[in-house]
Amino acid sequence: MRLLTYNIHKGFSIGNRRFTLETIRHALQRVDADVVFLQEVRGHSDRHPLPVGPLNTLSGEAAQFEYLADQLWPHYAYGKNAIYRGGHHGNVILSRYPFVEWENINVSPHPRASRSLLHGVISPPVFAHRQLKLHLICVHLGLFEAERRSQLQRLVERIRSHVPDDEP
């Protein structure tokens, strides 16, 4: 199983100079991962509509994760973290396999931090013979060490309380 994680910074290049969502989309498709973990993905934005053209059949108002998923990853879980005037963004798990369940867990130390653990569970065909589920956790940790320690502790607690010992 091929996995990929990437912080797309709401579709902008470093320094917010250029909107690069289409470039990001092509790069993700080239990797051809089974599961993709994305951070800082816009669920809605009044200011930055999606690129519209022959390769995009979605409206310019669709969520970035729908545009990125296209037909390669038909299943997704979106955990909204930050809500602001004109939009919101969060973490996303894109998957070739349907989700059995998913939950977004707020691990922000204060309201302005907007961090979460997005915990999804899938049953890929490779595990079908053993009836196992695969637990996926998309993480977007804070900038400061103390914040990250607290968030990592919450991650450990989540795994201990929600992931059975016999499931990956």
N, C-alpha and C. Protein backbone atom coordinates (compact mmCIF):
# COMPACT_ATOMS: atom_id res chain seq x y z
N MET A 1 0.85 -1.17 0.00
CA MET A 1 0.00 0.00 0.00
C MET A 1 0.89 1.24 0.00
N ARG A 2 0.57 2.17 -0.86
CA ARG A 2 1.36 3.39 -1.02
C ARG A 2 0.64 4.55 -0.32
N LEU A 3 1.37 5.25 0.58
CA LEU A 3 0.83 6.38 1.35
C LEU A 3 1.62 7.64 1.04
N LEU A 4 0.94 8.79 1.14
CA LEU A 4 1.59 10.08 0.91
C LEU A 4 1.00 11.09 1.88
N THR A 5 1.84 11.96 2.43
CA THR A 5 1.36 13.07 3.24
C THR A 5 1.97 14.36 2.71
N TYR A 6 1.16 15.45 2.73
CA TYR A 6 1.62 16.71 2.16
C TYR A 6 0.80 17.87 2.72
N ASN A 7 1.47 18.92 3.16
CA ASN A 7 0.80 20.15 3.58
C ASN A 7 0.70 21.04 2.35
N ILE A 8 -0.50 21.25 1.84
CA ILE A 8 -0.65 22.00 0.59
C ILE A 8 -0.75 23.51 0.81
N HIS A 9 -0.73 23.97 2.04
CA HIS A 9 -0.73 25.41 2.36
C HIS A 9 -1.84 26.15 1.62
N LYS A 10 -3.03 25.57 1.63
CA LYS A 10 -4.23 26.13 1.00
C LYS A 10 -4.07 26.34 -0.51
N GLY A 11 -3.12 25.62 -1.11
CA GLY A 11 -2.93 25.70 -2.55
C GLY A 11 -1.98 26.78 -3.02
N PHE A 12 -1.22 27.36 -2.09
CA PHE A 12 -0.30 28.43 -2.45
C PHE A 12 1.15 27.99 -2.33
N SER A 13 2.00 28.63 -3.11
CA SER A 13 3.44 28.38 -3.04
C SER A 13 3.99 28.97 -1.74
N ILE A 14 5.23 28.67 -1.45
CA ILE A 14 5.90 29.23 -0.28
C ILE A 14 5.87 30.75 -0.40
N GLY A 15 5.51 31.41 0.68
CA GLY A 15 5.42 32.86 0.67
C GLY A 15 4.10 33.38 0.11
N ASN A 16 3.17 32.48 -0.20
CA ASN A 16 1.86 32.85 -0.73
C ASN A 16 1.93 33.67 -2.01
N ARG A 17 2.95 33.45 -2.81
CA ARG A 17 3.13 34.25 -4.03
C ARG A 17 2.25 33.79 -5.19
N ARG A 18 2.06 32.46 -5.30
CA ARG A 18 1.30 31.94 -6.44
C ARG A 18 0.31 30.88 -5.98
N PHE A 19 -0.83 30.83 -6.66
CA PHE A 19 -1.82 29.78 -6.42
C PHE A 19 -1.41 28.58 -7.27
N THR A 20 -1.03 27.47 -6.63
CA THR A 20 -0.42 26.34 -7.33
C THR A 20 -1.23 25.04 -7.22
N LEU A 21 -2.51 25.15 -6.97
CA LEU A 21 -3.32 23.96 -6.73
C LEU A 21 -3.30 22.98 -7.90
N GLU A 22 -3.31 23.49 -9.11
CA GLU A 22 -3.29 22.60 -10.28
C GLU A 22 -1.97 21.82 -10.34
N THR A 23 -0.86 22.47 -10.04
CA THR A 23 0.45 21.81 -10.01
C THR A 23 0.47 20.74 -8.92
N ILE A 24 -0.08 21.07 -7.76
CA ILE A 24 -0.16 20.11 -6.65
C ILE A 24 -0.98 18.90 -7.08
N ARG A 25 -2.09 19.14 -7.74
CA ARG A 25 -2.97 18.05 -8.19
C ARG A 25 -2.21 17.08 -9.10
N HIS A 26 -1.49 17.61 -10.07
CA HIS A 26 -0.74 16.75 -11.00
C HIS A 26 0.35 15.97 -10.26
N ALA A 27 1.03 16.60 -9.32
CA ALA A 27 2.08 15.92 -8.56
C ALA A 27 1.49 14.78 -7.73
N LEU A 28 0.35 15.02 -7.08
CA LEU A 28 -0.29 13.97 -6.29
C LEU A 28 -0.71 12.80 -7.18
N GLN A 29 -1.23 13.09 -8.34
CA GLN A 29 -1.66 12.03 -9.25
C GLN A 29 -0.48 11.20 -9.74
N ARG A 30 0.66 11.83 -9.96
CA ARG A 30 1.85 11.09 -10.42
C ARG A 30 2.35 10.10 -9.38
N VAL A 31 2.21 10.43 -8.11
CA VAL A 31 2.65 9.53 -7.04
C VAL A 31 1.78 8.27 -7.02
N ASP A 32 0.49 8.42 -7.34
CA ASP A 32 -0.42 7.29 -7.44
C ASP A 32 -0.53 6.51 -6.12
N ALA A 33 -0.68 7.25 -5.02
CA ALA A 33 -0.81 6.63 -3.70
C ALA A 33 -2.21 6.06 -3.51
N ASP A 34 -2.32 5.06 -2.65
CA ASP A 34 -3.62 4.51 -2.29
C ASP A 34 -4.35 5.40 -1.30
N VAL A 35 -3.58 6.03 -0.42
CA VAL A 35 -4.12 6.93 0.60
C VAL A 35 -3.24 8.17 0.64
N VAL A 36 -3.89 9.34 0.68
CA VAL A 36 -3.18 10.62 0.73
C VAL A 36 -3.66 11.40 1.94
N PHE A 37 -2.72 11.85 2.77
CA PHE A 37 -3.01 12.69 3.93
C PHE A 37 -2.63 14.12 3.56
N LEU A 38 -3.57 15.05 3.67
CA LEU A 38 -3.29 16.44 3.31
C LEU A 38 -3.62 17.36 4.48
N GLN A 39 -2.78 18.36 4.66
CA GLN A 39 -3.01 19.37 5.68
C GLN A 39 -3.21 20.72 5.00
N GLU A 40 -3.93 21.61 5.71
CA GLU A 40 -4.22 22.97 5.24
C GLU A 40 -4.92 22.97 3.88
N VAL A 41 -6.01 22.22 3.80
CA VAL A 41 -6.81 22.12 2.58
C VAL A 41 -8.08 22.95 2.78
N ARG A 42 -8.37 23.81 1.83
CA ARG A 42 -9.58 24.64 1.94
C ARG A 42 -10.82 23.81 1.62
N GLY A 43 -11.75 23.83 2.56
CA GLY A 43 -13.05 23.23 2.33
C GLY A 43 -13.96 24.20 1.60
N HIS A 44 -13.72 25.49 1.80
CA HIS A 44 -14.48 26.54 1.12
C HIS A 44 -13.66 27.83 1.15
N SER A 45 -13.75 28.58 0.06
CA SER A 45 -13.08 29.88 -0.01
C SER A 45 -13.83 30.79 -0.96
N ASP A 46 -14.23 31.95 -0.47
CA ASP A 46 -14.85 32.96 -1.34
C ASP A 46 -13.81 33.64 -2.22
N ARG A 47 -12.56 33.67 -1.76
CA ARG A 47 -11.54 34.47 -2.44
C ARG A 47 -10.76 33.72 -3.51
N HIS A 48 -10.64 32.40 -3.41
CA HIS A 48 -9.79 31.65 -4.33
C HIS A 48 -10.54 30.46 -4.92
N PRO A 49 -11.33 30.71 -5.97
CA PRO A 49 -12.04 29.59 -6.59
C PRO A 49 -11.08 28.63 -7.27
N LEU A 50 -11.56 27.44 -7.52
CA LEU A 50 -10.74 26.41 -8.17
C LEU A 50 -10.48 26.77 -9.62
N PRO A 51 -9.37 26.26 -10.17
CA PRO A 51 -9.15 26.43 -11.61
C PRO A 51 -10.26 25.71 -12.37
N VAL A 52 -10.82 26.35 -13.37
CA VAL A 52 -11.88 25.74 -14.16
C VAL A 52 -11.36 25.56 -15.58
N GLY A 53 -11.57 24.38 -16.13
CA GLY A 53 -11.10 24.10 -17.48
C GLY A 53 -11.51 22.71 -17.90
N PRO A 54 -11.00 22.22 -19.01
CA PRO A 54 -11.42 20.91 -19.52
C PRO A 54 -11.08 19.75 -18.59
N LEU A 55 -10.04 19.91 -17.74
CA LEU A 55 -9.67 18.83 -16.83
C LEU A 55 -10.44 18.88 -15.53
N ASN A 56 -11.16 19.97 -15.28
CA ASN A 56 -11.90 20.12 -14.04
C ASN A 56 -13.38 20.25 -14.35
N THR A 57 -14.14 19.24 -14.01
CA THR A 57 -15.58 19.27 -14.25
C THR A 57 -16.34 19.81 -13.05
N LEU A 58 -15.63 20.11 -11.95
CA LEU A 58 -16.26 20.68 -10.77
C LEU A 58 -16.44 22.18 -10.96
N SER A 59 -17.35 22.75 -10.22
CA SER A 59 -17.50 24.21 -10.28
C SER A 59 -16.34 24.86 -9.54
N GLY A 60 -16.12 26.13 -9.78
CA GLY A 60 -15.07 26.86 -9.09
C GLY A 60 -15.30 26.99 -7.61
N GLU A 61 -16.51 26.63 -7.15
CA GLU A 61 -16.85 26.76 -5.74
C GLU A 61 -16.64 25.45 -4.96
N ALA A 62 -16.26 24.38 -5.61
CA ALA A 62 -16.08 23.09 -4.94
C ALA A 62 -14.90 23.17 -3.97
N ALA A 63 -14.89 22.24 -3.02
CA ALA A 63 -13.79 22.18 -2.05
C ALA A 63 -12.51 21.74 -2.75
N GLN A 64 -11.38 22.22 -2.23
CA GLN A 64 -10.09 21.85 -2.82
C GLN A 64 -9.89 20.34 -2.81
N PHE A 65 -10.34 19.66 -1.76
CA PHE A 65 -10.10 18.21 -1.70
C PHE A 65 -10.89 17.48 -2.78
N GLU A 66 -12.04 17.99 -3.17
CA GLU A 66 -12.79 17.37 -4.27
C GLU A 66 -12.03 17.53 -5.59
N TYR A 67 -11.46 18.69 -5.79
CA TYR A 67 -10.66 18.95 -6.99
C TYR A 67 -9.42 18.07 -7.02
N LEU A 68 -8.74 17.95 -5.88
CA LEU A 68 -7.51 17.14 -5.81
C LEU A 68 -7.82 15.66 -5.95
N ALA A 69 -8.93 15.22 -5.36
CA ALA A 69 -9.28 13.79 -5.39
C ALA A 69 -9.65 13.34 -6.79
N ASP A 70 -10.35 14.19 -7.52
CA ASP A 70 -10.79 13.90 -8.88
C ASP A 70 -11.42 12.51 -8.89
N GLN A 71 -10.99 11.64 -9.78
CA GLN A 71 -11.55 10.29 -9.84
C GLN A 71 -10.57 9.25 -9.30
N LEU A 72 -9.40 9.69 -8.90
CA LEU A 72 -8.38 8.77 -8.41
C LEU A 72 -8.66 8.30 -6.98
N TRP A 73 -9.17 9.21 -6.14
CA TRP A 73 -9.50 8.89 -4.75
C TRP A 73 -10.98 9.21 -4.53
N PRO A 74 -11.86 8.24 -4.75
CA PRO A 74 -13.29 8.51 -4.66
C PRO A 74 -13.82 8.68 -3.24
N HIS A 75 -13.01 8.36 -2.24
CA HIS A 75 -13.46 8.44 -0.86
C HIS A 75 -12.58 9.42 -0.09
N TYR A 76 -13.22 10.22 0.75
CA TYR A 76 -12.45 11.19 1.52
C TYR A 76 -13.12 11.49 2.85
N ALA A 77 -12.30 11.94 3.79
CA ALA A 77 -12.77 12.46 5.07
C ALA A 77 -12.15 13.84 5.22
N TYR A 78 -12.96 14.82 5.56
CA TYR A 78 -12.49 16.20 5.74
C TYR A 78 -12.77 16.63 7.16
N GLY A 79 -11.74 17.09 7.86
CA GLY A 79 -11.87 17.61 9.21
C GLY A 79 -11.60 19.10 9.22
N LYS A 80 -12.66 19.89 9.37
CA LYS A 80 -12.55 21.34 9.38
C LYS A 80 -11.83 21.79 10.66
N ASN A 81 -10.78 22.60 10.51
CA ASN A 81 -10.03 23.10 11.66
C ASN A 81 -10.23 24.59 11.87
N ALA A 82 -9.96 25.36 10.84
CA ALA A 82 -9.99 26.82 10.95
C ALA A 82 -11.18 27.37 10.18
N ILE A 83 -11.95 28.21 10.85
CA ILE A 83 -13.10 28.86 10.22
C ILE A 83 -12.84 30.36 10.27
N TYR A 84 -12.99 31.01 9.13
CA TYR A 84 -12.72 32.45 9.05
C TYR A 84 -13.69 33.07 8.04
N ARG A 85 -13.72 34.39 8.01
CA ARG A 85 -14.62 35.06 7.08
C ARG A 85 -14.28 34.64 5.64
N GLY A 86 -15.25 34.10 4.96
CA GLY A 86 -15.05 33.71 3.57
C GLY A 86 -14.57 32.29 3.36
N GLY A 87 -14.46 31.49 4.42
CA GLY A 87 -14.05 30.12 4.18
C GLY A 87 -13.62 29.34 5.41
N HIS A 88 -13.05 28.17 5.15
CA HIS A 88 -12.50 27.31 6.21
C HIS A 88 -11.51 26.34 5.57
N HIS A 89 -10.62 25.81 6.41
CA HIS A 89 -9.68 24.79 5.94
C HIS A 89 -9.44 23.77 7.04
N GLY A 90 -8.81 22.65 6.65
CA GLY A 90 -8.54 21.59 7.61
C GLY A 90 -7.70 20.49 7.01
N ASN A 91 -7.80 19.31 7.61
CA ASN A 91 -7.08 18.12 7.17
C ASN A 91 -8.00 17.24 6.33
N VAL A 92 -7.40 16.48 5.42
CA VAL A 92 -8.16 15.58 4.55
C VAL A 92 -7.41 14.26 4.42
N ILE A 93 -8.17 13.18 4.39
CA ILE A 93 -7.62 11.89 3.98
C ILE A 93 -8.37 11.49 2.70
N LEU A 94 -7.61 11.30 1.63
CA LEU A 94 -8.16 10.81 0.36
C LEU A 94 -7.84 9.32 0.28
N SER A 95 -8.79 8.51 -0.17
CA SER A 95 -8.59 7.07 -0.17
C SER A 95 -9.22 6.41 -1.39
N ARG A 96 -8.57 5.37 -1.86
CA ARG A 96 -9.17 4.54 -2.91
C ARG A 96 -10.26 3.64 -2.32
N TYR A 97 -10.25 3.48 -1.00
CA TYR A 97 -11.15 2.55 -0.33
C TYR A 97 -12.13 3.32 0.55
N PRO A 98 -13.36 2.82 0.68
CA PRO A 98 -14.35 3.53 1.49
C PRO A 98 -13.98 3.55 2.98
N PHE A 99 -14.44 4.60 3.63
CA PHE A 99 -14.24 4.72 5.07
C PHE A 99 -15.31 3.94 5.81
N VAL A 100 -14.88 3.17 6.81
CA VAL A 100 -15.80 2.51 7.71
C VAL A 100 -16.32 3.55 8.69
N GLU A 101 -15.42 4.43 9.12
CA GLU A 101 -15.76 5.53 10.02
C GLU A 101 -14.62 6.53 10.01
N TRP A 102 -14.92 7.73 10.50
CA TRP A 102 -13.87 8.74 10.67
C TRP A 102 -14.34 9.77 11.70
N GLU A 103 -13.35 10.43 12.32
CA GLU A 103 -13.64 11.45 13.33
C GLU A 103 -12.52 12.49 13.32
N ASN A 104 -12.88 13.74 13.49
CA ASN A 104 -11.92 14.83 13.59
C ASN A 104 -11.80 15.22 15.06
N ILE A 105 -10.59 15.17 15.61
CA ILE A 105 -10.36 15.44 17.02
C ILE A 105 -9.57 16.74 17.16
N ASN A 106 -10.16 17.71 17.82
CA ASN A 106 -9.52 19.01 18.03
C ASN A 106 -8.40 18.85 19.06
N VAL A 107 -7.19 19.24 18.69
CA VAL A 107 -6.05 19.21 19.63
C VAL A 107 -5.42 20.59 19.75
N SER A 108 -6.21 21.63 19.47
CA SER A 108 -5.71 23.00 19.54
C SER A 108 -5.53 23.43 20.99
N PRO A 109 -4.38 24.03 21.32
CA PRO A 109 -4.17 24.49 22.69
C PRO A 109 -4.97 25.76 22.99
N HIS A 110 -5.36 26.48 21.96
CA HIS A 110 -6.20 27.68 22.10
C HIS A 110 -6.96 27.88 20.79
N PRO A 111 -8.05 28.65 20.80
CA PRO A 111 -8.93 28.75 19.62
C PRO A 111 -8.25 29.21 18.33
N ARG A 112 -7.20 29.99 18.40
CA ARG A 112 -6.57 30.50 17.19
C ARG A 112 -5.60 29.51 16.55
N ALA A 113 -5.27 28.42 17.22
CA ALA A 113 -4.27 27.48 16.71
C ALA A 113 -4.82 26.57 15.60
N SER A 114 -6.04 26.12 15.71
CA SER A 114 -6.72 25.32 14.68
C SER A 114 -5.94 24.08 14.26
N ARG A 115 -5.75 23.15 15.16
CA ARG A 115 -5.04 21.89 14.87
C ARG A 115 -5.95 20.72 15.20
N SER A 116 -5.75 19.61 14.45
CA SER A 116 -6.56 18.43 14.73
C SER A 116 -5.86 17.15 14.32
N LEU A 117 -6.42 16.05 14.79
CA LEU A 117 -6.07 14.71 14.35
C LEU A 117 -7.30 14.20 13.61
N LEU A 118 -7.15 13.84 12.36
CA LEU A 118 -8.26 13.28 11.59
C LEU A 118 -8.04 11.77 11.53
N HIS A 119 -8.89 11.04 12.24
CA HIS A 119 -8.74 9.58 12.37
C HIS A 119 -9.78 8.90 11.48
N GLY A 120 -9.29 8.20 10.47
CA GLY A 120 -10.17 7.45 9.58
C GLY A 120 -9.86 5.96 9.66
N VAL A 121 -10.86 5.16 9.34
CA VAL A 121 -10.70 3.70 9.34
C VAL A 121 -11.22 3.17 8.01
N ILE A 122 -10.38 2.37 7.34
CA ILE A 122 -10.77 1.74 6.07
C ILE A 122 -10.54 0.23 6.16
N SER A 123 -11.15 -0.50 5.24
CA SER A 123 -10.94 -1.96 5.12
C SER A 123 -10.47 -2.26 3.71
N PRO A 124 -9.18 -2.08 3.43
CA PRO A 124 -8.70 -2.34 2.07
C PRO A 124 -8.76 -3.83 1.73
N PRO A 125 -8.92 -4.15 0.46
CA PRO A 125 -9.02 -5.56 0.04
C PRO A 125 -7.85 -6.42 0.50
N VAL A 126 -6.67 -5.85 0.61
CA VAL A 126 -5.50 -6.63 1.03
C VAL A 126 -5.68 -7.21 2.44
N PHE A 127 -6.56 -6.60 3.24
CA PHE A 127 -6.81 -7.09 4.60
C PHE A 127 -8.10 -7.91 4.70
N ALA A 128 -8.80 -8.09 3.59
CA ALA A 128 -10.12 -8.72 3.62
C ALA A 128 -10.08 -10.14 4.18
N HIS A 129 -9.05 -10.90 3.85
CA HIS A 129 -8.99 -12.29 4.31
C HIS A 129 -8.89 -12.39 5.83
N ARG A 130 -8.37 -11.36 6.48
CA ARG A 130 -8.26 -11.37 7.94
C ARG A 130 -9.30 -10.47 8.60
N GLN A 131 -10.14 -9.83 7.79
CA GLN A 131 -11.18 -8.92 8.28
C GLN A 131 -10.60 -7.83 9.17
N LEU A 132 -9.44 -7.32 8.78
CA LEU A 132 -8.79 -6.25 9.53
C LEU A 132 -9.17 -4.89 8.98
N LYS A 133 -9.11 -3.92 9.84
CA LYS A 133 -9.30 -2.53 9.44
C LYS A 133 -7.95 -1.83 9.53
N LEU A 134 -7.77 -0.83 8.69
CA LEU A 134 -6.55 -0.03 8.71
C LEU A 134 -6.90 1.35 9.26
N HIS A 135 -6.20 1.73 10.33
CA HIS A 135 -6.42 3.03 10.96
C HIS A 135 -5.47 4.05 10.35
N LEU A 136 -6.03 5.18 9.96
CA LEU A 136 -5.28 6.26 9.33
C LEU A 136 -5.46 7.52 10.17
N ILE A 137 -4.38 8.18 10.52
CA ILE A 137 -4.50 9.42 11.29
C ILE A 137 -3.69 10.51 10.60
N CYS A 138 -4.41 11.52 10.12
CA CYS A 138 -3.79 12.68 9.49
C CYS A 138 -3.54 13.71 10.58
N VAL A 139 -2.30 14.12 10.71
CA VAL A 139 -1.88 14.98 11.81
C VAL A 139 -1.35 16.30 11.27
N HIS A 140 -1.76 17.39 11.92
CA HIS A 140 -1.19 18.72 11.63
C HIS A 140 -0.84 19.35 12.97
N LEU A 141 0.43 19.23 13.33
CA LEU A 141 0.88 19.69 14.64
C LEU A 141 1.19 21.18 14.64
N GLY A 142 1.25 21.75 15.84
CA GLY A 142 1.52 23.17 16.01
C GLY A 142 2.96 23.54 15.73
N LEU A 143 3.21 24.84 15.79
CA LEU A 143 4.53 25.38 15.47
C LEU A 143 5.52 25.29 16.62
N PHE A 144 5.03 25.30 17.85
CA PHE A 144 5.91 25.39 19.01
C PHE A 144 6.07 24.04 19.70
N GLU A 145 7.25 23.82 20.27
CA GLU A 145 7.58 22.53 20.86
C GLU A 145 6.59 22.10 21.94
N ALA A 146 6.25 23.00 22.85
CA ALA A 146 5.33 22.64 23.93
C ALA A 146 3.96 22.24 23.37
N GLU A 147 3.54 22.94 22.36
CA GLU A 147 2.27 22.64 21.69
C GLU A 147 2.33 21.25 21.05
N ARG A 148 3.42 20.96 20.36
CA ARG A 148 3.56 19.66 19.70
C ARG A 148 3.61 18.52 20.71
N ARG A 149 4.29 18.72 21.83
CA ARG A 149 4.34 17.67 22.86
C ARG A 149 2.94 17.31 23.33
N SER A 150 2.15 18.33 23.62
CA SER A 150 0.78 18.11 24.06
C SER A 150 -0.03 17.39 22.99
N GLN A 151 0.13 17.81 21.74
CA GLN A 151 -0.61 17.19 20.64
C GLN A 151 -0.17 15.75 20.40
N LEU A 152 1.12 15.49 20.53
CA LEU A 152 1.60 14.11 20.38
C LEU A 152 1.08 13.22 21.50
N GLN A 153 0.96 13.77 22.70
CA GLN A 153 0.38 13.01 23.81
C GLN A 153 -1.07 12.66 23.49
N ARG A 154 -1.81 13.60 22.92
CA ARG A 154 -3.20 13.33 22.52
C ARG A 154 -3.25 12.26 21.42
N LEU A 155 -2.28 12.27 20.51
CA LEU A 155 -2.20 11.25 19.46
C LEU A 155 -1.98 9.87 20.08
N VAL A 156 -1.05 9.78 21.01
CA VAL A 156 -0.78 8.50 21.69
C VAL A 156 -2.04 8.02 22.42
N GLU A 157 -2.72 8.93 23.11
CA GLU A 157 -3.95 8.56 23.82
C GLU A 157 -5.01 8.06 22.84
N ARG A 158 -5.12 8.71 21.70
CA ARG A 158 -6.11 8.31 20.70
C ARG A 158 -5.81 6.90 20.18
N ILE A 159 -4.56 6.64 19.88
CA ILE A 159 -4.18 5.31 19.39
C ILE A 159 -4.46 4.25 20.45
N ARG A 160 -4.07 4.51 21.69
CA ARG A 160 -4.30 3.53 22.76
C ARG A 160 -5.78 3.26 22.99
N SER A 161 -6.61 4.28 22.87
CA SER A 161 -8.03 4.12 23.18
C SER A 161 -8.89 3.67 21.99
N HIS A 162 -8.42 3.87 20.75
CA HIS A 162 -9.28 3.59 19.61
C HIS A 162 -8.71 2.62 18.57
N VAL A 163 -7.46 2.23 18.71
CA VAL A 163 -6.87 1.31 17.73
C VAL A 163 -6.57 -0.02 18.44
N PRO A 164 -7.31 -1.07 18.09
CA PRO A 164 -7.05 -2.38 18.71
C PRO A 164 -5.62 -2.85 18.44
N ASP A 165 -5.07 -3.59 19.37
CA ASP A 165 -3.68 -4.07 19.25
C ASP A 165 -3.46 -4.92 18.01
N ASP A 166 -4.50 -5.60 17.52
CA ASP A 166 -4.33 -6.48 16.36
C ASP A 166 -4.66 -5.79 15.04
N GLU A 167 -4.88 -4.47 15.05
CA GLU A 167 -5.17 -3.75 13.81
C GLU A 167 -4.09 -2.71 13.54
N PRO A 168 -3.64 -2.66 12.28
CA PRO A 168 -2.62 -1.66 11.93
C PRO A 168 -3.21 -0.25 11.81
